[in-house]
């Protein structure tokens, strides 16, 4: 069972987030997510994102944190991170992730973050 938390447009990509009603061994809420490309293909999906307890599970901060992982590129972290990627995921990481990573940046007064808009 899961409940829809957010369904947003990220430059034509669709990011959907659900509450799984579970916590991990550290007490963090575990969320389900799906990240779909503009053509309708699912790039990433899982039931394994542990949200920070510092933010509401339906907050922009949680969406930014998730996008921080989904938009990692080769060179951002160890190469082993990408070993299980499908060809579509690898192509995304190598071609589009950098442009979308702006959505993962925490806003401040000098750099306003893009505003999440509900998927319509």
Foldseek 3Di string as FASTA:
>chain_A
DWAWQAWWQQPQKTKTKIFPVDADPVRFTFIWMWIAHNVGHTQDTDRGDGADPVDDCNDLLRVLVVLQVLLAAVVNDDPVSCPPGDPVSNCCNHPPSVVSNLSNDDDDPVRHGDDIDGDD
